[in-house]
Amino acid sequence: MIFTVHATCRELRFSRLFAAPLQAIEQGMSLICAGAQNVLIADGDGCKRSPIELYNIICGTSADARKSTESIQSTFFTRAAA
């Protein structure tokens, strides 16, 4: 399956094809770190996801792990805001 990484950087829109999903995820995360916006990865079926969503699907991050991460983040931001 082919994966296409779409991103916007300084009002320029570009796309790149990858044969492996982890390569697409790595490129997507690199683009985000470099300041690109609207970074999405489209699979061969046309379904678009963010790099972290695709990573969670492929690597099987469990719902319990996501809930625990959300709980930690909400606690941290609540304390920081107080």
N, C-alpha and C. Protein backbone atom coordinates (compact mmCIF):
# COMPACT_ATOMS: atom_id res chain seq x y z
N MET A 1 0.85 -1.17 0.00
CA MET A 1 0.00 0.00 0.00
C MET A 1 0.90 1.24 0.00
N ILE A 2 0.49 2.25 -0.72
CA ILE A 2 1.23 3.50 -0.79
C ILE A 2 0.65 4.49 0.22
N PHE A 3 1.53 5.22 0.88
CA PHE A 3 1.13 6.24 1.83
C PHE A 3 1.64 7.59 1.33
N THR A 4 0.77 8.59 1.34
CA THR A 4 1.13 9.92 0.86
C THR A 4 1.10 10.89 2.03
N VAL A 5 2.21 11.58 2.23
CA VAL A 5 2.29 12.60 3.29
C VAL A 5 1.99 13.95 2.65
N HIS A 6 0.98 14.64 3.17
CA HIS A 6 0.60 15.97 2.71
C HIS A 6 0.93 16.95 3.82
N ALA A 7 1.47 18.12 3.44
CA ALA A 7 1.80 19.14 4.45
C ALA A 7 1.76 20.53 3.82
N THR A 8 1.60 21.53 4.68
CA THR A 8 1.65 22.92 4.26
C THR A 8 2.76 23.59 5.05
N CYS A 9 3.63 24.30 4.32
CA CYS A 9 4.71 25.03 4.98
C CYS A 9 4.88 26.37 4.27
N ARG A 10 4.70 27.43 5.01
CA ARG A 10 4.79 28.79 4.43
C ARG A 10 3.91 28.94 3.19
N GLU A 11 2.67 28.53 3.33
CA GLU A 11 1.65 28.63 2.28
C GLU A 11 1.93 27.76 1.05
N LEU A 12 2.96 26.92 1.11
CA LEU A 12 3.23 25.98 0.03
C LEU A 12 2.71 24.61 0.43
N ARG A 13 2.00 23.96 -0.46
CA ARG A 13 1.45 22.64 -0.18
C ARG A 13 2.28 21.61 -0.94
N PHE A 14 2.74 20.57 -0.25
CA PHE A 14 3.48 19.54 -0.95
C PHE A 14 3.12 18.16 -0.44
N SER A 15 3.42 17.16 -1.28
CA SER A 15 3.10 15.77 -0.97
C SER A 15 4.27 14.89 -1.38
N ARG A 16 4.39 13.75 -0.68
CA ARG A 16 5.45 12.80 -1.00
C ARG A 16 4.92 11.39 -0.76
N LEU A 17 5.26 10.47 -1.65
CA LEU A 17 4.80 9.09 -1.55
C LEU A 17 5.81 8.22 -0.80
N PHE A 18 5.28 7.27 -0.03
CA PHE A 18 6.10 6.31 0.70
C PHE A 18 5.47 4.93 0.58
N ALA A 19 6.32 3.90 0.48
CA ALA A 19 5.82 2.54 0.39
C ALA A 19 5.59 1.94 1.78
N ALA A 20 6.32 2.42 2.78
CA ALA A 20 6.21 1.87 4.13
C ALA A 20 5.53 2.88 5.06
N PRO A 21 4.58 2.42 5.86
CA PRO A 21 3.87 3.35 6.75
C PRO A 21 4.79 4.02 7.78
N LEU A 22 5.78 3.31 8.30
CA LEU A 22 6.65 3.93 9.30
C LEU A 22 7.52 5.04 8.70
N GLN A 23 7.88 4.90 7.41
CA GLN A 23 8.60 5.98 6.75
C GLN A 23 7.72 7.22 6.63
N ALA A 24 6.46 7.01 6.29
CA ALA A 24 5.51 8.12 6.17
C ALA A 24 5.31 8.80 7.53
N ILE A 25 5.20 8.00 8.58
CA ILE A 25 5.03 8.55 9.92
C ILE A 25 6.26 9.36 10.32
N GLU A 26 7.44 8.82 10.06
CA GLU A 26 8.67 9.52 10.40
C GLU A 26 8.76 10.85 9.65
N GLN A 27 8.44 10.84 8.36
CA GLN A 27 8.48 12.08 7.57
C GLN A 27 7.45 13.07 8.10
N GLY A 28 6.26 12.59 8.41
CA GLY A 28 5.22 13.46 8.95
C GLY A 28 5.62 14.11 10.25
N MET A 29 6.21 13.33 11.16
CA MET A 29 6.66 13.89 12.44
C MET A 29 7.80 14.88 12.23
N SER A 30 8.69 14.60 11.30
CA SER A 30 9.79 15.52 11.00
C SER A 30 9.25 16.84 10.47
N LEU A 31 8.25 16.77 9.61
CA LEU A 31 7.64 17.98 9.08
C LEU A 31 6.97 18.81 10.18
N ILE A 32 6.31 18.13 11.10
CA ILE A 32 5.68 18.83 12.22
C ILE A 32 6.74 19.53 13.06
N CYS A 33 7.84 18.84 13.34
CA CYS A 33 8.93 19.42 14.13
C CYS A 33 9.57 20.60 13.41
N ALA A 34 9.54 20.59 12.08
CA ALA A 34 10.12 21.67 11.29
C ALA A 34 9.16 22.85 11.13
N GLY A 35 7.95 22.71 11.66
CA GLY A 35 7.00 23.81 11.63
C GLY A 35 5.92 23.71 10.57
N ALA A 36 5.85 22.60 9.86
CA ALA A 36 4.81 22.44 8.84
C ALA A 36 3.45 22.31 9.52
N GLN A 37 2.42 22.69 8.80
CA GLN A 37 1.06 22.62 9.32
C GLN A 37 0.22 21.68 8.46
N ASN A 38 -0.91 21.30 8.99
CA ASN A 38 -1.85 20.42 8.25
C ASN A 38 -1.16 19.18 7.72
N VAL A 39 -0.36 18.54 8.55
CA VAL A 39 0.35 17.33 8.13
C VAL A 39 -0.60 16.14 8.27
N LEU A 40 -0.88 15.50 7.15
CA LEU A 40 -1.76 14.34 7.12
C LEU A 40 -1.13 13.25 6.26
N ILE A 41 -1.45 12.02 6.61
CA ILE A 41 -0.98 10.87 5.84
C ILE A 41 -2.21 10.17 5.28
N ALA A 42 -2.24 10.05 3.95
CA ALA A 42 -3.34 9.36 3.28
C ALA A 42 -2.87 7.97 2.87
N ASP A 43 -3.72 6.97 3.12
CA ASP A 43 -3.36 5.62 2.71
C ASP A 43 -3.94 5.35 1.32
N GLY A 44 -3.75 4.15 0.82
CA GLY A 44 -4.21 3.79 -0.51
C GLY A 44 -5.72 3.87 -0.68
N ASP A 45 -6.46 3.79 0.42
CA ASP A 45 -7.92 3.89 0.36
C ASP A 45 -8.41 5.33 0.43
N GLY A 46 -7.47 6.27 0.62
CA GLY A 46 -7.84 7.69 0.69
C GLY A 46 -8.16 8.18 2.09
N CYS A 47 -8.03 7.32 3.07
CA CYS A 47 -8.30 7.71 4.46
C CYS A 47 -7.13 8.55 4.98
N LYS A 48 -7.42 9.75 5.48
CA LYS A 48 -6.37 10.66 5.95
C LYS A 48 -6.33 10.67 7.47
N ARG A 49 -5.10 10.60 8.00
CA ARG A 49 -4.89 10.61 9.45
C ARG A 49 -3.65 11.43 9.77
N SER A 50 -3.58 11.92 11.01
CA SER A 50 -2.35 12.58 11.45
C SER A 50 -1.29 11.50 11.67
N PRO A 51 -0.01 11.88 11.69
CA PRO A 51 1.04 10.88 11.92
C PRO A 51 0.86 10.10 13.22
N ILE A 52 0.45 10.77 14.29
CA ILE A 52 0.30 10.07 15.58
C ILE A 52 -0.90 9.12 15.56
N GLU A 53 -1.98 9.48 14.85
CA GLU A 53 -3.13 8.57 14.73
C GLU A 53 -2.73 7.30 13.98
N LEU A 54 -1.99 7.47 12.90
CA LEU A 54 -1.55 6.31 12.13
C LEU A 54 -0.60 5.45 12.96
N TYR A 55 0.30 6.09 13.69
CA TYR A 55 1.22 5.35 14.57
C TYR A 55 0.44 4.52 15.59
N ASN A 56 -0.57 5.12 16.20
CA ASN A 56 -1.37 4.40 17.20
C ASN A 56 -2.11 3.22 16.58
N ILE A 57 -2.57 3.36 15.36
CA ILE A 57 -3.26 2.26 14.69
C ILE A 57 -2.29 1.13 14.37
N ILE A 58 -1.13 1.48 13.84
CA ILE A 58 -0.16 0.46 13.43
C ILE A 58 0.48 -0.23 14.63
N CYS A 59 0.86 0.55 15.61
CA CYS A 59 1.59 -0.01 16.77
C CYS A 59 0.67 -0.50 17.86
N GLY A 60 -0.63 -0.33 17.67
CA GLY A 60 -1.59 -0.90 18.60
C GLY A 60 -1.62 -0.28 19.98
N THR A 61 -1.48 1.04 20.06
CA THR A 61 -1.59 1.69 21.36
C THR A 61 -2.97 1.39 21.92
N SER A 62 -3.01 0.86 23.12
CA SER A 62 -4.28 0.45 23.70
C SER A 62 -5.07 1.65 24.20
N ALA A 63 -6.37 1.47 24.32
CA ALA A 63 -7.23 2.53 24.83
C ALA A 63 -6.84 2.88 26.26
N ASP A 64 -6.43 1.88 27.05
CA ASP A 64 -6.02 2.14 28.44
C ASP A 64 -4.80 3.04 28.49
N ALA A 65 -3.84 2.82 27.58
CA ALA A 65 -2.64 3.66 27.55
C ALA A 65 -3.01 5.08 27.15
N ARG A 66 -3.93 5.23 26.21
CA ARG A 66 -4.36 6.57 25.79
C ARG A 66 -5.07 7.29 26.93
N LYS A 67 -5.94 6.58 27.66
CA LYS A 67 -6.64 7.20 28.78
C LYS A 67 -5.66 7.64 29.85
N SER A 68 -4.66 6.82 30.12
CA SER A 68 -3.67 7.17 31.13
C SER A 68 -2.88 8.39 30.70
N THR A 69 -2.53 8.48 29.42
CA THR A 69 -1.80 9.64 28.90
C THR A 69 -2.66 10.89 28.98
N GLU A 70 -3.93 10.78 28.60
CA GLU A 70 -4.84 11.92 28.67
C GLU A 70 -5.01 12.38 30.11
N SER A 71 -5.09 11.44 31.04
CA SER A 71 -5.24 11.78 32.45
C SER A 71 -4.02 12.54 32.96
N ILE A 72 -2.83 12.08 32.60
CA ILE A 72 -1.60 12.75 33.02
C ILE A 72 -1.54 14.14 32.42
N GLN A 73 -1.87 14.27 31.13
CA GLN A 73 -1.83 15.58 30.47
C GLN A 73 -2.82 16.53 31.09
N SER A 74 -4.03 16.10 31.37
CA SER A 74 -5.04 16.99 31.94
C SER A 74 -4.64 17.41 33.34
N THR A 75 -4.03 16.51 34.12
CA THR A 75 -3.57 16.85 35.46
C THR A 75 -2.44 17.88 35.37
N PHE A 76 -1.51 17.69 34.46
CA PHE A 76 -0.38 18.59 34.31
C PHE A 76 -0.88 19.98 33.90
N PHE A 77 -1.76 20.06 32.89
CA PHE A 77 -2.22 21.35 32.42
C PHE A 77 -3.12 22.04 33.44
N THR A 78 -3.85 21.27 34.23
CA THR A 78 -4.68 21.87 35.28
C THR A 78 -3.79 22.51 36.33
N ARG A 79 -2.74 21.81 36.73
CA ARG A 79 -1.82 22.36 37.72
C ARG A 79 -1.06 23.56 37.19
N ALA A 80 -0.66 23.50 35.92
CA ALA A 80 0.09 24.61 35.33
C ALA A 80 -0.78 25.85 35.21
N ALA A 81 -2.07 25.66 34.96
CA ALA A 81 -2.97 26.79 34.80
C ALA A 81 -3.35 27.42 36.14
N ALA A 82 -3.27 26.66 37.20
CA ALA A 82 -3.69 27.15 38.51
C ALA A 82 -2.74 28.17 39.11
